[in-house]
Structures are given as structure tokens and as C-alpha cells.
Amino acid sequence: MQLSGQTVIKAPREKVWGFLTDPEKVASCAPGVEKVEVVEAGRRFKATAGVGFGAVKAKFAGDAEFVELDAPNRAVIKAHGNAPGTAVDVKAEMTLGDAEGGTQMKWLADIVIVGQLASLAARMMGPVSQKLTEQFFEAMKKRIEQ
């Protein structure tokens, strides 16, 4: 599954970059994230998150790492998580640029889910993932623009 989008955030690029590369700040905006633990500052972290696709729910524990950082322009992160009978791999990229009145952020995420969750909730994954992504970006923009 691939998700992508762009938005303009009414804040300077450095402020947007600082927020989006801080796992604890990002987690505070991400639906379902229960816990974040920084393993290596500015590089690696662990997280626990609950996700539901209709009646099918799963709690993932995973590791994430920034594999490319070009401050304050571009970041690439890879993550791997497991839930009982299910695994997920994510590679996401964000690109920041100047925009009138703030910072333009473009993002792209490739998400691969295998196992029970993938087989039980395949039809719902796209719409639910899109909804959760929209909730995240709305909360994130609100926090950064304060």
C-alpha cells in the first residue's frame, strides 16, 4: 500500500523539521501510539501502537530508524513492527521546501503488511490508513503552528 500527500504548514522550515524528526513529538500526534522510547537520539527509536481495521485490532511493537537525514530538507525513515501473527514494514520519506507563508511538506509512505491482519482486513486497510494519516497531519499542523 502506498500513501502520499502534501500540505503547507504555517511555520519556518527549521521548526517543522525539528518537530518531524522528534519521535516523541510526532507520537503525540499519531493516532494509536501508546509508547515511544528513543534508542539513539536523532536516529533510532522503538514504539508501541494499536491499530484497528473495523472489528480487527492489533497492537504492534516495532523499531524505526532514520536512514537518511538532510536537514532541513529531506528525511527517510524505515520501520518494522510485529503484532501476533502479523508484521509490517514501512519506508517513508518527507521533503520540506519553502512555500508562501510557511513550509511545504511532501510525503510518501510504502507500507507492507503481511499475516493475519492483512488477510482479515485487506479491504479496509486503504480507507482506514488514509483516515489515520489525515488525523495525524491535522494534529501535527495544529501543534507546529501554535
C-alpha atoms as a PDB file:
ATOM      1  CA  MET A   1       0.000   0.000   0.000  1.00  0.00           C
ATOM      2  CA  GLN A   2       1.302   3.446  -0.847  1.00  0.00           C
ATOM      3  CA  LEU A   3       0.168   6.704   0.741  1.00  0.00           C
ATOM      4  CA  SER A   4       1.290  10.170  -0.262  1.00  0.00           C
ATOM      5  CA  GLY A   5       0.335  13.785   0.118  1.00  0.00           C
ATOM      6  CA  GLN A   6       1.441  17.313   0.682  1.00  0.00           C
ATOM      7  CA  THR A   7       0.499  20.194   2.902  1.00  0.00           C
ATOM      8  CA  VAL A   8       1.619  23.713   3.750  1.00  0.00           C
ATOM      9  CA  ILE A   9       2.468  24.361   7.391  1.00  0.00           C
ATOM     10  CA  LYS A  10       2.446  27.969   8.569  1.00  0.00           C
ATOM     11  CA  ALA A  11       5.840  27.806  10.267  1.00  0.00           C
ATOM     12  CA  PRO A  12       9.519  28.148   9.287  1.00  0.00           C
ATOM     13  CA  ARG A  13      11.184  25.074   7.815  1.00  0.00           C
ATOM     14  CA  GLU A  14      13.577  24.658  10.790  1.00  0.00           C
ATOM     15  CA  LYS A  15      10.637  24.490  13.207  1.00  0.00           C
ATOM     16  CA  VAL A  16       8.799  21.939  11.031  1.00  0.00           C
ATOM     17  CA  TRP A  17      11.996  19.869  10.672  1.00  0.00           C
ATOM     18  CA  GLY A  18      12.625  19.904  14.419  1.00  0.00           C
ATOM     19  CA  PHE A  19       9.121  18.684  15.142  1.00  0.00           C
ATOM     20  CA  LEU A  20       9.015  15.981  12.459  1.00  0.00           C
ATOM     21  CA  THR A  21      12.366  14.481  13.445  1.00  0.00           C
ATOM     22  CA  ASP A  22      11.461  14.265  17.145  1.00  0.00           C
ATOM     23  CA  PRO A  23       9.817  10.850  17.721  1.00  0.00           C
ATOM     24  CA  GLU A  24       8.127  11.924  20.952  1.00  0.00           C
ATOM     25  CA  LYS A  25       6.527  14.991  19.349  1.00  0.00           C
ATOM     26  CA  VAL A  26       5.404  13.004  16.316  1.00  0.00           C
ATOM     27  CA  ALA A  27       3.998  10.253  18.562  1.00  0.00           C
ATOM     28  CA  SER A  28       1.881  12.811  20.412  1.00  0.00           C
ATOM     29  CA  CYS A  29       0.010  13.418  17.124  1.00  0.00           C
ATOM     30  CA  ALA A  30      -0.164   9.850  15.808  1.00  0.00           C
ATOM     31  CA  PRO A  31      -3.433   8.006  16.475  1.00  0.00           C
ATOM     32  CA  GLY A  32      -2.919   4.782  18.415  1.00  0.00           C
ATOM     33  CA  VAL A  33       0.673   5.358  19.544  1.00  0.00           C
ATOM     34  CA  GLU A  34       0.945   4.249  23.160  1.00  0.00           C
ATOM     35  CA  LYS A  35       4.666   4.447  23.880  1.00  0.00           C
ATOM     36  CA  VAL A  36       7.880   5.758  22.313  1.00  0.00           C
ATOM     37  CA  GLU A  37      11.403   5.027  23.503  1.00  0.00           C
ATOM     38  CA  VAL A  38      14.389   6.801  21.975  1.00  0.00           C
ATOM     39  CA  VAL A  39      17.203   4.269  21.475  1.00  0.00           C
ATOM     40  CA  GLU A  40      19.711   6.585  19.784  1.00  0.00           C
ATOM     41  CA  ALA A  41      18.954  10.311  19.815  1.00  0.00           C
ATOM     42  CA  GLY A  42      18.188  11.664  16.371  1.00  0.00           C
ATOM     43  CA  ARG A  43      18.446   8.229  14.746  1.00  0.00           C
ATOM     44  CA  ARG A  44      16.627   5.195  16.244  1.00  0.00           C
ATOM     45  CA  PHE A  45      13.568   4.606  18.392  1.00  0.00           C
ATOM     46  CA  LYS A  46      11.048   1.951  19.434  1.00  0.00           C
ATOM     47  CA  ALA A  47       7.286   2.375  19.536  1.00  0.00           C
ATOM     48  CA  THR A  48       4.126   0.540  20.529  1.00  0.00           C
ATOM     49  CA  ALA A  49       0.877   1.330  18.722  1.00  0.00           C
ATOM     50  CA  GLY A  50      -2.622  -0.085  18.487  1.00  0.00           C
ATOM     51  CA  VAL A  51      -4.401  -0.121  15.135  1.00  0.00           C
ATOM     52  CA  GLY A  52      -7.924  -1.220  14.312  1.00  0.00           C
ATOM     53  CA  PHE A  53      -9.474  -2.047  10.966  1.00  0.00           C
ATOM     54  CA  GLY A  54     -13.150  -2.435  11.834  1.00  0.00           C
ATOM     55  CA  ALA A  55     -13.510  -5.362  14.235  1.00  0.00           C
ATOM     56  CA  VAL A  56      -9.916  -6.469  13.578  1.00  0.00           C
ATOM     57  CA  LYS A  57      -7.465  -4.888  16.012  1.00  0.00           C
ATOM     58  CA  ALA A  58      -3.740  -5.345  16.532  1.00  0.00           C
ATOM     59  CA  LYS A  59      -1.069  -3.974  18.851  1.00  0.00           C
ATOM     60  CA  PHE A  60       2.291  -3.515  17.140  1.00  0.00           C
ATOM     61  CA  ALA A  61       5.707  -3.222  18.751  1.00  0.00           C
ATOM     62  CA  GLY A  62       8.408  -2.020  16.432  1.00  0.00           C
ATOM     63  CA  ASP A  63      11.698  -0.343  15.696  1.00  0.00           C
ATOM     64  CA  ALA A  64      12.286   2.679  13.476  1.00  0.00           C
ATOM     65  CA  GLU A  65      15.405   4.361  12.171  1.00  0.00           C
ATOM     66  CA  PHE A  66      16.114   7.492  10.188  1.00  0.00           C
ATOM     67  CA  VAL A  67      18.215   6.087   7.336  1.00  0.00           C
ATOM     68  CA  GLU A  68      18.723   9.434   5.564  1.00  0.00           C
ATOM     69  CA  LEU A  69      18.748  12.917   7.085  1.00  0.00           C
ATOM     70  CA  ASP A  70      19.411  16.067   5.056  1.00  0.00           C
ATOM     71  CA  ALA A  71      18.387  18.817   7.490  1.00  0.00           C
ATOM     72  CA  PRO A  72      16.107  20.717   6.980  1.00  0.00           C
ATOM     73  CA  ASN A  73      15.181  19.368   3.553  1.00  0.00           C
ATOM     74  CA  ARG A  74      14.594  15.617   3.470  1.00  0.00           C
ATOM     75  CA  ALA A  75      14.326  12.606   5.756  1.00  0.00           C
ATOM     76  CA  VAL A  76      13.804   8.905   5.095  1.00  0.00           C
ATOM     77  CA  ILE A  77      12.731   6.526   7.829  1.00  0.00           C
ATOM     78  CA  LYS A  78      12.368   2.749   7.854  1.00  0.00           C
ATOM     79  CA  ALA A  79      10.324   0.865  10.426  1.00  0.00           C
ATOM     80  CA  HIS A  80       9.456  -2.741  11.169  1.00  0.00           C
ATOM     81  CA  GLY A  81       6.783  -3.872  13.589  1.00  0.00           C
ATOM     82  CA  ASN A  82       5.139  -7.074  14.762  1.00  0.00           C
ATOM     83  CA  ALA A  83       1.771  -7.982  16.195  1.00  0.00           C
ATOM     84  CA  PRO A  84       0.571 -11.522  16.907  1.00  0.00           C
ATOM     85  CA  GLY A  85       0.520 -13.270  13.514  1.00  0.00           C
ATOM     86  CA  THR A  86       1.242 -10.048  11.598  1.00  0.00           C
ATOM     87  CA  ALA A  87       4.259  -8.000  10.510  1.00  0.00           C
ATOM     88  CA  VAL A  88       4.520  -4.543   8.954  1.00  0.00           C
ATOM     89  CA  ASP A  89       7.354  -2.803   7.125  1.00  0.00           C
ATOM     90  CA  VAL A  90       7.275   0.905   6.353  1.00  0.00           C
ATOM     91  CA  LYS A  91       9.564   3.157   4.378  1.00  0.00           C
ATOM     92  CA  ALA A  92       8.560   6.820   4.484  1.00  0.00           C
ATOM     93  CA  GLU A  93      10.097   9.945   3.017  1.00  0.00           C
ATOM     94  CA  MET A  94       9.359  13.585   3.709  1.00  0.00           C
ATOM     95  CA  THR A  95      10.630  16.536   1.747  1.00  0.00           C
ATOM     96  CA  LEU A  96      10.402  20.106   3.008  1.00  0.00           C
ATOM     97  CA  GLY A  97      10.540  23.222   0.870  1.00  0.00           C
ATOM     98  CA  ASP A  98       9.687  26.887   1.055  1.00  0.00           C
ATOM     99  CA  ALA A  99       6.088  27.926   0.466  1.00  0.00           C
ATOM    100  CA  GLU A 100       4.307  31.240   0.654  1.00  0.00           C
ATOM    101  CA  GLY A 101       3.575  31.763   4.331  1.00  0.00           C
ATOM    102  CA  GLY A 102       5.457  28.736   5.592  1.00  0.00           C
ATOM    103  CA  THR A 103       6.835  25.325   4.683  1.00  0.00           C
ATOM    104  CA  GLN A 104       5.596  22.870   2.105  1.00  0.00           C
ATOM    105  CA  MET A 105       5.848  19.259   3.182  1.00  0.00           C
ATOM    106  CA  LYS A 106       5.553  16.388   0.712  1.00  0.00           C
ATOM    107  CA  TRP A 107       5.477  12.831   1.966  1.00  0.00           C
ATOM    108  CA  LEU A 108       5.370   9.312   0.595  1.00  0.00           C
ATOM    109  CA  ALA A 109       4.997   6.053   2.520  1.00  0.00           C
ATOM    110  CA  ASP A 110       5.251   2.461   1.314  1.00  0.00           C
ATOM    111  CA  ILE A 111       3.570   0.105   3.764  1.00  0.00           C
ATOM    112  CA  VAL A 112       3.680  -3.688   3.539  1.00  0.00           C
ATOM    113  CA  ILE A 113       1.518  -5.691   5.951  1.00  0.00           C
ATOM    114  CA  VAL A 114       1.651  -9.483   5.948  1.00  0.00           C
ATOM    115  CA  GLY A 115      -0.081 -12.112   8.043  1.00  0.00           C
ATOM    116  CA  GLN A 116      -3.465 -12.378   9.723  1.00  0.00           C
ATOM    117  CA  LEU A 117      -4.269  -8.668   9.745  1.00  0.00           C
ATOM    118  CA  ALA A 118      -3.540  -8.401   6.025  1.00  0.00           C
ATOM    119  CA  SER A 119      -5.832 -11.313   5.186  1.00  0.00           C
ATOM    120  CA  LEU A 120      -8.675 -10.358   7.545  1.00  0.00           C
ATOM    121  CA  ALA A 121      -8.826  -6.619   6.910  1.00  0.00           C
ATOM    122  CA  ALA A 122      -7.408  -6.163   3.399  1.00  0.00           C
ATOM    123  CA  ARG A 123     -10.372  -4.183   2.026  1.00  0.00           C
ATOM    124  CA  MET A 124     -10.400  -1.758   4.951  1.00  0.00           C
ATOM    125  CA  MET A 125      -6.678  -1.005   5.139  1.00  0.00           C
ATOM    126  CA  GLY A 126      -6.567   1.702   2.488  1.00  0.00           C
ATOM    127  CA  PRO A 127      -9.500   3.817   3.736  1.00  0.00           C
ATOM    128  CA  VAL A 128      -8.590   3.399   7.425  1.00  0.00           C
ATOM    129  CA  SER A 129      -4.915   4.195   6.784  1.00  0.00           C
ATOM    130  CA  GLN A 130      -5.929   7.310   4.840  1.00  0.00           C
ATOM    131  CA  LYS A 131      -8.201   8.452   7.689  1.00  0.00           C
ATOM    132  CA  LEU A 132      -5.497   7.905  10.333  1.00  0.00           C
ATOM    133  CA  THR A 133      -2.982   9.776   8.155  1.00  0.00           C
ATOM    134  CA  GLU A 134      -5.345  12.735   7.817  1.00  0.00           C
ATOM    135  CA  GLN A 135      -5.889  12.793  11.606  1.00  0.00           C
ATOM    136  CA  PHE A 136      -2.127  12.748  12.166  1.00  0.00           C
ATOM    137  CA  PHE A 137      -1.401  15.635   9.784  1.00  0.00           C
ATOM    138  CA  GLU A 138      -4.249  17.729  11.193  1.00  0.00           C
ATOM    139  CA  ALA A 139      -2.935  17.273  14.750  1.00  0.00           C
ATOM    140  CA  MET A 140       0.675  17.828  13.663  1.00  0.00           C
ATOM    141  CA  LYS A 141      -0.093  21.056  11.801  1.00  0.00           C
ATOM    142  CA  LYS A 142      -2.063  22.378  14.774  1.00  0.00           C
ATOM    143  CA  ARG A 143       0.822  21.664  17.173  1.00  0.00           C
ATOM    144  CA  ILE A 144       3.530  23.178  14.929  1.00  0.00           C
ATOM    145  CA  GLU A 145       1.501  26.273  14.025  1.00  0.00           C
ATOM    146  CA  GLN A 146       0.838  27.185  17.692  1.00  0.00           C
END
